[in-house]
Amino acid sequence: MIRYIGKRLLQMIPVVVCVAILIFTIMYFVPGDPAEIILGVTATTQEKEAVRESLGLNQPYVVRLADFLRDTFLRFDLGTSYIDGTSVLKNIMARLPYTLIISVGSMAFAMVVGIILGTIAALNQNGIADRLCMILALIGVSMPGFWLALMLVIWLALQHNILPSYGAGSIKHFIMPWIAAALPELARLARQARSSMLEVIHSDFVTTAKAKGVKKWNVVFKHELPNAMIPIITTIGAGLAHGMGGALVIESVFSIPGLGLYITNSINNRDYPAVQGTIVFFSIVFSVIMLLVDLAYAAVDPRIKAAFSGSAQKRKKVKAAVSEEKENGGER
């Protein structure tokens, strides 16, 4: 298992490097003068030229790209903001907790409710509960997140004054963002859970368990649901990554100072280092999430865990056989 994790971590390196090269190239060709962004439109030509020289903006593309990759991956320096002159990495670390609260909280809510609805729908296939759950899921999938967020602000904040409409001062400030971010993922999880459960319900081992007289809910929780979790875990991992990326819209609507609002403001202000650093950071986070999804497969399915550890056991047996052969050869 440790060898597998190490192998996956090594595979993440070219992915993140490619993302870094791509985002740097895009920002390099975006129209705009960073020197003018830093100094303002009233700066003289000499002042702008001095700033370009100090930042290395007069260097060729290849040189600037090499400097960016060296600073990012060898020095762990994501650059300095053009707008306020602060470290991009420090800004990301300061804003990351808000984004995690939204993405993890909304995904936890979507996971619990979505799996429950999908399981109920599968156990009552073609019944009223099944149709009702799937209608709700269809509405959730079809509803744009930003529209739902605005409707929640109008209804719960402006009309009824139940929840605050913006900011991140208390737990109340995150209730509407959680709902707005969770509903689309909840709907996807419900549909996936229903589909996976229906495949497992008609399996031979489930029929055998029922024939042996195992109680209904023991069959559901000990046999059906664990074996249906592989596609559900994939949806959860993709939903968590999508939730962090989708925080861009949610944080903008509710004015929450997370990474989504940070990158939105950076794009509007043409703060190139902030955009580049945040995108590279997101690529690392998404790669780690996909690694955790693969490890979760092994946690719920013993067959996958055996496959992970099987290669290591084979290597141990080969080494033992080789050492034993050497010992026997020495005795001869």
Protein backbone atom coordinates (compact mmCIF):
# COMPACT_ATOMS: atom_id res chain seq x y z
CA MET A 1 0.00 0.00 0.00
CA ILE A 2 2.82 2.43 0.87
CA ARG A 3 4.51 1.66 -2.44
CA TYR A 4 1.25 2.34 -4.27
CA ILE A 5 0.81 5.71 -2.50
CA GLY A 6 4.38 6.66 -3.38
CA LYS A 7 3.79 5.70 -7.01
CA ARG A 8 0.62 7.82 -7.18
CA LEU A 9 2.38 10.79 -5.59
CA LEU A 10 5.08 10.57 -8.26
CA GLN A 11 2.38 10.46 -10.94
CA MET A 12 0.98 13.71 -9.58
CA ILE A 13 4.17 15.61 -10.38
CA PRO A 14 3.84 15.74 -14.21
CA VAL A 15 0.15 16.63 -13.88
CA VAL A 16 0.82 19.60 -11.62
CA VAL A 17 3.80 20.72 -13.73
CA CYS A 18 1.69 20.63 -16.90
CA VAL A 19 -1.01 22.68 -15.18
CA ALA A 20 1.62 25.21 -14.07
CA ILE A 21 3.02 25.51 -17.62
CA LEU A 22 -0.47 25.88 -19.08
CA ILE A 23 -1.66 28.59 -16.68
CA PHE A 24 1.61 30.51 -17.00
CA THR A 25 1.33 30.42 -20.80
CA ILE A 26 -2.27 31.63 -20.70
CA MET A 27 -1.45 34.50 -18.34
CA TYR A 28 1.65 35.39 -20.39
CA PHE A 29 -0.42 36.04 -23.50
CA VAL A 30 -3.30 37.79 -21.69
CA PRO A 31 -3.43 41.48 -22.70
CA GLY A 32 -2.36 43.95 -20.03
CA ASP A 33 0.73 45.54 -18.55
CA PRO A 34 1.65 44.35 -15.04
CA ALA A 35 3.80 47.44 -14.54
CA GLU A 36 0.78 49.64 -15.15
CA ILE A 37 -1.28 47.50 -12.77
CA ILE A 38 1.28 48.01 -10.02
CA LEU A 39 1.99 51.73 -10.57
CA GLY A 40 -1.32 52.92 -12.00
CA VAL A 41 -2.12 54.65 -15.25
CA THR A 42 -0.47 57.91 -14.13
CA ALA A 43 3.03 56.41 -13.96
CA THR A 44 5.66 57.55 -16.40
CA THR A 45 7.26 55.35 -19.03
CA GLN A 46 10.56 55.31 -17.13
CA GLU A 47 8.86 54.17 -13.92
CA LYS A 48 7.02 51.38 -15.74
CA GLU A 49 10.22 50.25 -17.43
CA ALA A 50 12.01 50.13 -14.08
CA VAL A 51 9.27 47.91 -12.63
CA ARG A 52 9.38 45.61 -15.65
CA GLU A 53 13.12 45.28 -15.25
CA SER A 54 12.90 44.54 -11.52
CA LEU A 55 10.22 41.86 -12.03
CA GLY A 56 11.97 40.30 -15.00
CA LEU A 57 9.05 41.06 -17.32
CA ASN A 58 11.44 42.01 -20.12
CA GLN A 59 12.86 38.49 -20.17
CA PRO A 60 11.89 36.01 -22.94
CA TYR A 61 9.01 33.59 -22.39
CA VAL A 62 11.26 30.56 -21.80
CA VAL A 63 13.33 32.36 -19.16
CA ARG A 64 10.26 33.61 -17.30
CA LEU A 65 8.67 30.15 -17.44
CA ALA A 66 11.81 28.52 -16.06
CA ASP A 67 11.94 31.08 -13.23
CA PHE A 68 8.26 30.46 -12.44
CA LEU A 69 8.68 26.67 -12.32
CA ARG A 70 11.85 26.96 -10.21
CA ASP A 71 10.22 29.31 -7.69
CA THR A 72 7.03 27.23 -7.52
CA PHE A 73 8.40 23.70 -7.21
CA LEU A 74 11.88 24.18 -5.77
CA ARG A 75 11.43 27.21 -3.54
CA PHE A 76 7.68 26.70 -2.85
CA ASP A 77 7.13 30.37 -3.66
CA LEU A 78 3.92 31.10 -5.58
CA GLY A 79 4.88 34.71 -6.17
CA THR A 80 3.93 38.13 -4.86
CA SER A 81 0.63 39.85 -5.54
CA TYR A 82 0.78 42.81 -7.92
CA ILE A 83 -2.03 44.57 -6.07
CA ASP A 84 -0.97 44.58 -2.41
CA GLY A 85 2.59 43.18 -2.58
CA THR A 86 1.82 40.28 -0.24
CA SER A 87 2.80 36.62 -0.61
CA VAL A 88 0.32 34.65 -2.73
CA LEU A 89 0.94 31.50 -0.68
CA LYS A 90 0.15 33.33 2.59
CA ASN A 91 -3.05 34.70 1.08
CA ILE A 92 -4.06 31.21 -0.05
CA MET A 93 -3.41 29.70 3.39
CA ALA A 94 -5.39 32.51 5.06
CA ARG A 95 -8.39 31.98 2.77
CA LEU A 96 -8.27 28.19 2.46
CA PRO A 97 -10.23 27.46 5.69
CA TYR A 98 -13.30 29.30 4.39
CA THR A 99 -13.28 27.33 1.14
CA LEU A 100 -12.80 24.06 3.02
CA ILE A 101 -15.70 24.84 5.35
CA ILE A 102 -17.98 25.40 2.36
CA SER A 103 -16.81 22.47 0.22
CA VAL A 104 -16.42 19.84 2.96
CA GLY A 105 -19.56 20.91 4.83
CA SER A 106 -21.73 20.94 1.73
CA MET A 107 -20.30 17.61 0.54
CA ALA A 108 -20.91 15.97 3.94
CA PHE A 109 -24.53 17.12 3.85
CA ALA A 110 -24.94 16.00 0.23
CA MET A 111 -23.31 12.64 0.96
CA VAL A 112 -25.56 11.75 3.89
CA VAL A 113 -28.83 12.91 2.35
CA GLY A 114 -28.00 11.79 -1.19
CA ILE A 115 -27.04 8.23 -0.23
CA ILE A 116 -30.13 7.91 1.96
CA LEU A 117 -32.44 9.13 -0.82
CA GLY A 118 -30.76 6.90 -3.41
CA THR A 119 -31.00 3.86 -1.15
CA ILE A 120 -34.66 4.50 -0.38
CA ALA A 121 -35.37 4.91 -4.09
CA ALA A 122 -33.61 1.63 -4.94
CA LEU A 123 -35.36 -0.33 -2.20
CA ASN A 124 -38.72 0.96 -3.49
CA GLN A 125 -38.00 0.62 -7.20
CA ASN A 126 -40.79 2.05 -9.39
CA GLY A 127 -42.75 2.97 -6.26
CA ILE A 128 -43.92 6.36 -5.05
CA ALA A 129 -40.79 6.91 -2.94
CA ASP A 130 -38.58 6.06 -5.92
CA ARG A 131 -40.35 8.47 -8.25
CA LEU A 132 -40.44 11.25 -5.68
CA CYS A 133 -36.71 10.93 -4.91
CA MET A 134 -35.79 10.93 -8.59
CA ILE A 135 -37.99 13.99 -9.29
CA LEU A 136 -36.20 15.84 -6.49
CA ALA A 137 -32.85 14.69 -7.86
CA LEU A 138 -33.76 15.86 -11.36
CA ILE A 139 -34.71 19.29 -10.02
CA GLY A 140 -31.45 19.49 -8.08
CA VAL A 141 -29.31 18.57 -11.09
CA SER A 142 -31.12 21.04 -13.35
CA MET A 143 -31.01 23.99 -10.94
CA PRO A 144 -28.03 26.37 -11.43
CA GLY A 145 -26.08 26.90 -8.21
CA PHE A 146 -25.76 30.67 -8.58
CA TRP A 147 -29.54 31.02 -9.16
CA LEU A 148 -30.30 28.93 -6.08
CA ALA A 149 -27.85 31.03 -4.04
CA LEU A 150 -29.56 34.25 -5.13
CA MET A 151 -33.02 32.82 -4.38
CA LEU A 152 -31.87 31.79 -0.90
CA VAL A 153 -30.57 35.31 -0.27
CA ILE A 154 -33.86 36.85 -1.37
CA TRP A 155 -36.04 34.42 0.58
CA LEU A 156 -34.13 33.72 3.80
CA ALA A 157 -32.19 36.99 4.17
CA LEU A 158 -34.13 39.82 2.55
CA GLN A 159 -37.75 38.71 2.95
CA HIS A 160 -37.67 36.79 6.26
CA ASN A 161 -34.37 37.98 7.80
CA ILE A 162 -33.61 34.48 9.08
CA LEU A 163 -29.98 34.22 7.98
CA PRO A 164 -27.27 36.78 7.15
CA SER A 165 -26.85 37.41 3.43
CA TYR A 166 -23.06 37.85 3.32
CA GLY A 167 -19.85 37.46 5.32
CA ALA A 168 -18.32 34.63 7.36
CA GLY A 169 -18.60 35.74 10.97
CA SER A 170 -20.47 32.74 12.40
CA ILE A 171 -21.91 29.35 11.53
CA LYS A 172 -25.12 31.05 10.35
CA HIS A 173 -23.21 32.67 7.51
CA PHE A 174 -22.41 29.24 6.03
CA ILE A 175 -25.90 27.69 6.07
CA MET A 176 -27.05 29.20 2.78
CA PRO A 177 -23.71 28.53 1.04
CA TRP A 178 -23.88 24.91 2.19
CA ILE A 179 -27.40 24.49 0.80
CA ALA A 180 -26.56 26.18 -2.50
CA ALA A 181 -23.39 24.13 -2.98
CA ALA A 182 -24.84 20.84 -1.70
CA LEU A 183 -28.06 20.55 -3.71
CA PRO A 184 -26.53 19.74 -7.14
CA GLU A 185 -24.08 17.22 -5.59
CA LEU A 186 -26.86 15.74 -3.46
CA ALA A 187 -28.91 15.12 -6.59
CA ARG A 188 -25.99 13.45 -8.40
CA LEU A 189 -25.24 11.24 -5.39
CA ALA A 190 -28.89 10.20 -5.08
CA ARG A 191 -29.03 9.14 -8.73
CA GLN A 192 -25.69 7.31 -8.49
CA ALA A 193 -26.62 5.59 -5.22
CA ARG A 194 -29.91 4.39 -6.70
CA SER A 195 -28.20 3.02 -9.82
CA SER A 196 -25.45 1.27 -7.83
CA MET A 197 -27.89 -0.21 -5.31
CA LEU A 198 -30.12 -1.59 -8.06
CA GLU A 199 -27.14 -3.44 -9.55
CA VAL A 200 -26.19 -4.94 -6.19
CA ILE A 201 -29.73 -5.80 -5.05
CA HIS A 202 -30.10 -8.40 -7.81
CA SER A 203 -26.69 -10.00 -7.18
CA ASP A 204 -26.35 -13.66 -6.23
CA PHE A 205 -24.74 -13.00 -2.83
CA VAL A 206 -27.68 -10.78 -1.83
CA THR A 207 -30.13 -13.49 -2.86
CA THR A 208 -28.12 -16.03 -0.83
CA ALA A 209 -28.10 -13.77 2.25
CA LYS A 210 -31.87 -13.34 2.03
CA ALA A 211 -32.35 -17.09 1.58
CA LYS A 212 -30.37 -17.71 4.77
CA GLY A 213 -32.83 -15.53 6.66
CA VAL A 214 -30.61 -12.50 7.25
CA LYS A 215 -32.67 -9.53 8.37
CA LYS A 216 -33.55 -6.95 5.72
CA TRP A 217 -31.58 -4.05 7.16
CA ASN A 218 -28.57 -6.25 7.85
CA VAL A 219 -28.61 -7.20 4.18
CA VAL A 220 -28.83 -3.53 3.20
CA PHE A 221 -26.07 -2.20 5.45
CA LYS A 222 -23.70 -5.19 5.54
CA HIS A 223 -24.01 -6.54 2.00
CA GLU A 224 -25.73 -4.20 -0.45
CA LEU A 225 -24.51 -0.74 0.51
CA PRO A 226 -20.78 -1.61 0.99
CA ASN A 227 -20.68 -3.32 -2.42
CA ALA A 228 -22.43 -0.35 -4.06
CA MET A 229 -19.98 2.20 -2.65
CA ILE A 230 -17.31 2.16 -5.39
CA PRO A 231 -19.23 4.32 -7.92
CA ILE A 232 -20.59 6.43 -5.05
CA ILE A 233 -17.07 7.15 -3.75
CA THR A 234 -16.06 8.24 -7.26
CA THR A 235 -18.98 10.67 -7.31
CA ILE A 236 -18.09 11.93 -3.83
CA GLY A 237 -14.47 12.61 -4.82
CA ALA A 238 -15.48 14.38 -8.02
CA GLY A 239 -18.11 16.33 -6.07
CA LEU A 240 -15.58 17.46 -3.46
CA ALA A 241 -13.20 18.68 -6.17
CA HIS A 242 -16.08 20.31 -8.02
CA GLY A 243 -17.22 21.92 -4.77
CA MET A 244 -13.85 23.59 -4.24
CA GLY A 245 -13.88 24.86 -7.80
CA GLY A 246 -17.54 25.85 -7.56
CA ALA A 247 -16.77 27.90 -4.46
CA LEU A 248 -15.78 30.63 -6.91
CA VAL A 249 -19.48 31.31 -7.58
CA ILE A 250 -20.79 30.65 -4.07
CA GLU A 251 -18.19 32.83 -2.36
CA SER A 252 -18.82 35.64 -4.81
CA VAL A 253 -22.56 35.59 -4.16
CA PHE A 254 -22.20 35.50 -0.37
CA SER A 255 -19.01 37.64 -0.16
CA ILE A 256 -17.10 34.94 1.74
CA PRO A 257 -13.33 35.65 1.76
CA GLY A 258 -12.26 32.24 0.46
CA LEU A 259 -10.18 31.12 -2.50
CA GLY A 260 -13.08 31.51 -4.91
CA LEU A 261 -13.52 35.20 -4.14
CA TYR A 262 -9.73 35.64 -4.08
CA ILE A 263 -9.21 34.27 -7.59
CA THR A 264 -12.25 36.18 -8.90
CA ASN A 265 -10.86 39.47 -7.62
CA SER A 266 -7.40 38.54 -8.93
CA ILE A 267 -8.77 37.93 -12.42
CA ASN A 268 -10.70 41.20 -12.38
CA ASN A 269 -7.60 43.09 -11.19
CA ARG A 270 -5.24 41.24 -13.58
CA ASP A 271 -3.19 40.06 -10.62
CA TYR A 272 -1.32 37.41 -12.62
CA PRO A 273 0.79 35.85 -9.81
CA ALA A 274 -2.30 35.38 -7.64
CA VAL A 275 -4.18 33.66 -10.47
CA GLN A 276 -1.25 31.42 -11.37
CA GLY A 277 -0.50 30.47 -7.77
CA THR A 278 -4.12 29.68 -6.92
CA ILE A 279 -4.61 27.50 -10.01
CA VAL A 280 -1.43 25.53 -9.25
CA PHE A 281 -2.58 25.10 -5.65
CA PHE A 282 -5.99 23.85 -6.81
CA SER A 283 -4.33 21.32 -9.12
CA ILE A 284 -2.37 19.90 -6.19
CA VAL A 285 -5.51 19.71 -4.03
CA PHE A 286 -7.51 17.98 -6.77
CA SER A 287 -4.73 15.42 -7.33
CA VAL A 288 -4.64 14.64 -3.61
CA ILE A 289 -8.43 14.23 -3.57
CA MET A 290 -8.22 11.69 -6.41
CA LEU A 291 -5.54 9.80 -4.46
CA LEU A 292 -7.79 9.70 -1.39
CA VAL A 293 -10.61 8.38 -3.56
CA ASP A 294 -8.42 5.48 -4.71
CA LEU A 295 -7.46 4.72 -1.12
CA ALA A 296 -11.13 4.82 -0.13
CA TYR A 297 -11.77 2.10 -2.71
CA ALA A 298 -9.44 -0.20 -0.78
CA ALA A 299 -11.16 0.70 2.49
CA VAL A 300 -14.61 -0.43 1.31
CA ASP A 301 -13.66 -3.26 -1.04
CA PRO A 302 -11.35 -6.02 0.28
CA ARG A 303 -10.67 -7.20 -3.28
CA ILE A 304 -9.05 -3.88 -4.22
CA LYS A 305 -7.09 -3.85 -0.98
CA ALA A 306 -5.83 -7.33 -1.75
CA ALA A 307 -4.79 -6.16 -5.22
CA PHE A 308 -2.84 -3.27 -3.68
CA SER A 309 -1.03 -5.52 -1.22
CA GLY A 310 -0.79 -8.51 -3.55
CA SER A 311 2.16 -7.18 -5.51
CA ALA A 312 4.07 -6.45 -2.31
CA GLN A 313 3.42 -9.97 -1.02
CA LYS A 314 4.63 -11.42 -4.33
CA ARG A 315 7.84 -9.44 -4.08
CA LYS A 316 8.38 -10.71 -0.52
CA LYS A 317 7.86 -14.31 -1.65
CA VAL A 318 10.29 -13.87 -4.54
CA LYS A 319 12.91 -12.37 -2.22
CA ALA A 320 12.39 -15.19 0.29
CA ALA A 321 12.72 -17.78 -2.47
CA VAL A 322 15.90 -16.17 -3.80
CA SER A 323 17.48 -15.96 -0.35
CA GLU A 324 16.52 -19.55 0.39
CA GLU A 325 18.06 -20.69 -2.90
CA LYS A 326 21.28 -18.84 -2.08
CA GLU A 327 21.43 -20.45 1.34
CA ASN A 328 20.86 -23.90 -0.14
CA GLY A 329 23.52 -23.21 -2.76
CA GLY A 330 25.99 -22.16 -0.03
CA GLU A 331 25.34 -25.34 1.95
CA ARG A 332 26.09 -27.43 -1.12
